[in-house]
Protein backbone atom coordinates (compact mmCIF):
# COMPACT_ATOMS: atom_id res chain seq x y z
CA MET A 1 0.00 0.00 0.00
CA THR A 2 1.51 3.35 -1.05
CA ALA A 3 1.74 6.46 1.13
CA ASP A 4 -0.45 8.41 -1.33
CA HIS A 5 -3.20 5.83 -1.00
CA LYS A 6 -3.03 6.09 2.79
CA ILE A 7 -3.28 9.90 2.62
CA LYS A 8 -6.24 9.69 0.25
CA ASN A 9 -8.01 7.25 2.55
CA SER A 10 -7.32 9.49 5.55
CA ARG A 11 -8.80 12.47 3.74
CA SER A 12 -11.84 10.50 2.71
CA LEU A 13 -12.32 9.28 6.25
CA LEU A 14 -11.97 12.80 7.66
CA LEU A 15 -14.45 14.15 5.12
CA SER A 16 -16.94 11.44 6.01
CA LEU A 17 -16.59 12.13 9.73
CA ALA A 18 -16.89 15.87 9.19
CA GLU A 19 -20.05 15.47 7.11
CA GLN A 20 -21.60 13.21 9.75
CA ARG A 21 -21.00 15.88 12.42
CA GLY A 22 -21.93 18.88 10.26
CA LEU A 23 -18.36 20.24 10.13
CA ALA A 24 -17.54 19.92 6.41
CA GLY A 25 -18.50 23.48 5.41
CA LEU A 26 -14.98 24.61 4.52
CA LEU A 27 -13.98 21.25 3.03
CA HIS A 28 -16.23 21.78 0.00
CA GLY A 29 -14.95 25.24 -0.90
CA ASP A 30 -17.38 28.16 -0.81
CA SER A 31 -20.62 27.20 0.92
CA PRO A 32 -23.95 28.92 0.23
CA LEU A 33 -24.72 28.60 3.95
CA SER A 34 -23.44 31.01 6.58
CA PHE A 35 -21.49 29.88 9.64
CA GLY A 36 -24.63 30.50 11.69
CA ASP A 37 -26.70 28.28 9.42
CA ARG A 38 -24.07 25.56 9.54
CA PHE A 39 -23.97 25.83 13.34
CA GLU A 40 -27.72 25.25 13.51
CA ILE A 41 -27.40 22.21 11.24
CA ARG A 42 -24.57 20.80 13.39
CA HIS A 43 -26.62 21.47 16.52
CA GLN A 44 -29.58 19.58 15.04
CA LEU A 45 -27.32 16.67 14.02
CA ASP A 46 -25.88 16.50 17.55
CA GLN A 47 -29.32 16.57 19.14
CA ALA A 48 -30.58 13.89 16.76
CA ALA A 49 -27.53 11.71 17.51
CA ARG A 50 -28.13 12.06 21.27
CA GLN A 51 -31.77 11.15 20.81
CA LYS A 52 -30.80 8.11 18.75
CA ASN A 53 -28.28 7.03 21.39
CA LEU A 54 -30.84 7.20 24.20
CA GLU A 55 -33.53 5.42 22.19
CA SER A 56 -31.06 2.66 21.29
CA ILE A 57 -30.11 2.19 24.96
CA VAL A 58 -33.73 2.15 26.11
CA SER A 59 -34.58 -0.38 23.40
CA LEU A 60 -31.71 -2.63 24.52
CA ALA A 61 -32.79 -2.27 28.16
CA SER A 62 -36.32 -3.30 27.17
CA GLU A 63 -34.94 -6.52 25.67
CA ASN A 64 -33.37 -7.33 29.05
CA CYS A 65 -36.59 -6.79 31.00
CA ASN A 66 -39.21 -9.45 31.64
CA ASP A 67 -42.24 -9.84 33.89
CA GLU A 68 -40.49 -9.40 37.23
CA VAL A 69 -41.65 -6.62 39.55
CA GLY A 70 -39.97 -3.29 38.84
CA ASN A 71 -39.52 -0.06 40.77
CA ASP A 72 -39.23 3.59 39.78
CA PRO A 73 -35.60 4.76 39.79
CA ASP A 74 -34.80 7.87 41.78
CA PRO A 75 -35.75 10.86 39.54
CA ASP A 76 -32.43 12.63 40.14
CA TRP A 77 -30.54 9.44 39.33
CA LEU A 78 -32.54 8.95 36.13
CA SER A 79 -31.97 12.55 35.00
CA ARG A 80 -28.23 12.20 35.54
CA TYR A 81 -28.21 8.79 33.85
CA LEU A 82 -29.90 10.18 30.72
CA GLU A 83 -27.56 13.18 30.70
CA LEU A 84 -24.52 10.92 30.74
CA ALA A 85 -25.87 8.19 28.46
CA GLU A 86 -26.94 10.47 25.62
CA ASN A 87 -23.40 10.65 24.25
CA ILE A 88 -22.74 6.89 24.31
CA ARG A 89 -22.41 5.90 20.65
CA HIS A 90 -20.45 2.63 20.67
CA PRO A 91 -22.82 -0.38 20.44
CA ALA A 92 -20.95 -2.43 23.05
CA MET A 93 -21.01 0.45 25.53
CA GLN A 94 -24.69 1.04 24.80
CA HIS A 95 -25.35 -2.58 25.80
CA PHE A 96 -23.51 -1.96 29.08
CA TRP A 97 -25.46 1.23 29.82
CA ALA A 98 -28.69 -0.60 28.97
CA SER A 99 -27.85 -3.33 31.51
CA ILE A 100 -27.37 -0.62 34.15
CA LEU A 101 -30.81 0.83 33.44
CA THR A 102 -32.37 -2.64 33.61
CA GLN A 103 -30.70 -3.36 36.96
CA GLU A 104 -31.79 0.01 38.35
CA ILE A 105 -35.43 -0.65 37.44
CA ARG A 106 -35.23 -4.05 39.11
CA SER A 107 -33.37 -2.77 42.18
CA PRO A 108 -33.07 1.03 42.60
CA GLY A 109 -29.81 2.18 44.15
CA HIS A 110 -27.80 -0.58 42.48
CA CYS A 111 -25.46 1.86 40.70
CA SER A 112 -24.52 5.24 42.15
CA ILE A 113 -24.25 8.52 40.26
CA GLN A 114 -20.52 8.50 41.11
CA SER A 115 -20.15 5.17 39.32
CA LEU A 116 -22.07 6.48 36.32
CA SER A 117 -19.77 9.51 36.13
CA CYS A 118 -16.73 7.25 36.25
CA LEU A 119 -18.20 4.98 33.58
CA ARG A 120 -18.83 7.98 31.32
CA GLN A 121 -15.08 8.67 31.31
CA MET A 122 -14.25 5.11 30.33
CA THR A 123 -13.54 3.98 26.78
CA GLN A 124 -14.61 0.60 25.45
CA LYS A 125 -11.04 -0.59 26.07
CA ASP A 126 -11.31 0.50 29.71
CA ALA A 127 -14.62 -1.32 30.09
CA LEU A 128 -13.09 -4.49 28.63
CA LEU A 129 -10.23 -4.25 31.15
CA LEU A 130 -12.73 -4.00 33.99
CA GLN A 131 -14.63 -6.95 32.59
CA LYS A 132 -11.45 -9.03 32.51
CA ALA A 133 -10.58 -8.02 36.07
CA SER A 134 -14.09 -8.73 37.37
CA ALA A 135 -14.03 -12.17 35.73
CA LEU A 136 -10.88 -12.96 37.75
CA GLY A 137 -12.23 -11.41 40.94
CA CYS A 138 -13.52 -13.26 43.97
CA HIS A 139 -15.01 -12.63 47.40
CA PHE A 140 -13.64 -13.96 50.65
CA GLY A 141 -14.37 -12.73 54.13
CA ASP A 142 -16.80 -9.97 53.08
CA ASP A 143 -18.59 -8.44 50.09
CA ASN A 144 -15.53 -6.64 48.70
CA LEU A 145 -14.37 -7.97 45.35
CA ARG A 146 -10.69 -8.88 45.32
CA LEU A 147 -8.21 -9.82 42.64
CA LEU A 148 -6.27 -12.71 44.16
CA PHE A 149 -2.80 -13.27 42.71
CA GLY A 150 -0.71 -15.08 45.32
CA TYR A 151 0.19 -15.72 48.94
CA GLN A 152 2.95 -15.06 51.44
CA TYR A 153 4.29 -17.41 54.12
CA ARG A 154 7.07 -17.65 56.69
CA THR A 155 9.93 -20.12 56.76
CA LEU A 156 12.43 -20.72 59.54
CA LEU A 157 15.52 -20.37 57.37
CA GLN A 158 14.48 -17.91 54.63
CA GLY A 159 11.96 -15.68 56.40
CA ARG A 160 9.05 -14.44 54.33
CA ARG A 161 8.50 -16.02 50.93
CA GLN A 162 5.90 -15.40 48.24
CA GLN A 163 4.21 -17.42 45.53
CA LYS A 164 2.40 -15.53 42.76
CA LEU A 165 0.59 -16.25 39.52
CA ASN A 166 0.94 -14.05 36.45
CA LEU A 167 -2.28 -12.12 35.79
CA GLY A 168 -0.88 -11.16 32.38
CA ARG A 169 -1.38 -14.78 31.28
CA HIS A 170 -5.09 -14.26 31.86
CA ARG A 171 -5.59 -11.16 29.69
CA LEU A 172 -4.79 -8.70 32.46
CA PRO A 173 -1.23 -7.37 31.97
CA TYR A 174 0.36 -4.96 34.42
CA ALA A 175 -0.35 -2.06 32.04
CA GLY A 176 -4.03 -2.97 32.37
CA LEU A 177 -3.76 -2.91 36.16
CA LEU A 178 -2.16 0.53 35.98
CA GLN A 179 -5.10 1.75 33.91
CA LEU A 180 -7.59 0.36 36.44
CA PHE A 181 -5.63 2.11 39.20
CA GLU A 182 -5.77 5.36 37.24
CA LEU A 183 -9.52 5.05 36.70
CA GLY A 184 -10.06 4.54 40.42
CA LEU A 185 -11.48 1.04 40.00
CA LEU A 186 -8.74 -0.83 41.88
CA HIS A 187 -6.79 0.24 44.95
CA GLN A 188 -3.19 0.57 43.86
CA ALA A 189 -1.52 -1.10 46.83
CA GLU A 190 -0.85 -4.82 46.96
CA LEU A 191 -2.71 -5.96 50.06
CA GLU A 192 -2.39 -9.03 52.25
CA SER A 193 -5.05 -10.82 54.25
CA GLY A 194 -4.84 -11.83 57.87
CA GLU A 195 -3.20 -15.17 58.57
CA LEU A 196 -5.29 -18.08 57.36
CA SER A 197 -6.64 -20.19 60.20
CA VAL A 198 -6.01 -23.92 60.05
CA ALA A 199 -9.24 -24.37 62.04
CA THR A 200 -11.48 -22.41 59.62
CA PRO A 201 -12.01 -23.23 55.93
CA LEU A 202 -11.48 -20.36 53.49
CA ARG A 203 -14.27 -19.92 50.94
CA LEU A 204 -13.48 -18.13 47.70
CA GLU A 205 -16.65 -17.03 45.89
CA PHE A 206 -16.23 -16.54 42.13
CA ASN A 207 -18.88 -15.50 39.61
CA SER A 208 -20.43 -18.93 39.29
CA GLN A 209 -18.34 -21.22 41.48
CA GLN A 210 -17.06 -21.64 44.99
CA MET A 211 -13.62 -22.90 45.97
CA THR A 212 -12.95 -23.98 49.56
CA LEU A 213 -9.47 -24.29 51.05
CA HIS A 214 -8.84 -26.19 54.28
CA PRO A 215 -5.41 -24.80 55.25
CA HIS A 216 -2.85 -26.95 57.03
CA LYS A 217 0.00 -24.42 57.09
CA LYS A 218 0.30 -21.60 59.61
CA GLY A 219 1.51 -18.10 58.84
CA VAL A 220 -0.01 -17.90 55.36
CA ARG A 221 -1.47 -14.61 54.08
CA LEU A 222 -3.19 -14.13 50.72
CA LEU A 223 -2.01 -11.39 48.35
CA TYR A 224 -4.58 -9.42 46.37
CA TYR A 225 -5.73 -6.12 44.89
CA ARG A 226 -9.02 -4.78 46.23
CA PHE A 227 -11.66 -3.17 44.04
CA THR A 228 -12.77 0.32 45.07
CA THR A 229 -16.40 1.08 45.92
CA ILE A 230 -17.01 2.26 42.35
CA GLY A 231 -15.06 -0.70 40.96
CA ASN A 232 -17.26 -3.06 42.98
CA GLU A 233 -20.45 -1.45 41.68
CA LEU A 234 -19.41 -1.54 38.03
CA ALA A 235 -17.86 -5.01 38.24
CA SER A 236 -21.15 -6.37 39.63
CA LEU A 237 -22.74 -5.45 36.29
CA MET A 238 -20.28 -7.61 34.34
CA THR A 239 -21.40 -11.07 33.31
CA GLU A 240 -18.23 -12.79 32.06
CA SER A 241 -17.52 -16.13 33.78
CA THR A 242 -14.27 -16.88 35.56
CA PRO A 243 -11.84 -18.33 32.97
CA ALA A 244 -11.19 -22.03 33.46
CA ASP A 245 -7.44 -21.61 32.97
CA TYR A 246 -7.30 -19.03 35.77
CA ARG A 247 -9.19 -21.34 38.14
CA SER A 248 -6.83 -24.17 37.26
CA GLU A 249 -3.73 -22.09 37.86
CA LEU A 250 -5.16 -20.74 41.11
CA GLN A 251 -5.83 -24.32 42.24
CA GLU A 252 -2.22 -25.25 41.50
CA LEU A 253 -1.05 -22.16 43.39
CA LEU A 254 -3.12 -22.89 46.50
CA ALA A 255 -2.78 -26.70 46.51
CA PRO A 256 0.37 -26.74 48.72
CA LEU A 257 -1.54 -24.84 51.42
CA GLY A 258 -4.11 -27.54 52.13
CA GLN A 259 -7.09 -29.48 50.81
CA LEU A 260 -9.09 -27.84 48.01
CA SER A 261 -12.67 -28.51 46.97
CA GLN A 262 -14.95 -26.88 44.38
CA LYS A 263 -18.68 -26.42 43.89
């Protein structure tokens, strides 16, 4: 492919985008319309696009609804939701926003305005990163979602030692973690749990499965990243199942600590 062909394609693409947004007035030479007239046309195109976006999202939300009992969302929440959602053009993101509306009708208060504002700043790539992280997440001890990646233990001769799995092998590279930190969806610090009790089984709750560890070693602490409040809210809207390869690797990681069982 020649450079000239690339330039021509770039110009054609720019012209097409400009025409779609009502900004091609000077690209066609002298225009019979004034700047004011062209502004009004662009304003109408923008308003029509916002209307189309909202109608598309509402239509998708309707497909998710069934005969279960619904409730009126908080009026202020709904006004803010519509204000933020009207500029969502990407089909995949529209599906996500539609699922939020469906959940809010089923259970008002499910997603805060703060979470909506954060979501509005996210690109589709950001949303996919969160989806990957939520698919790897689990609950143990409380309702906070955690991203478990290893454990730490004590030895008599070598002191503290760690065993970790590589999240990058499961579609979540460190650059992705940095982005989730930046978005305020994960706490940046690597955290450690309290020491696992050999007398109390540890239950790890994943999206659709439960793993139970009966520890037989003392001095073991799990290593994890914790989702923020907003990260928890948005991750709860994700539906991707925990990858089988991650579960398998996590089993191999935890196996030396005690007996494992799954449901």
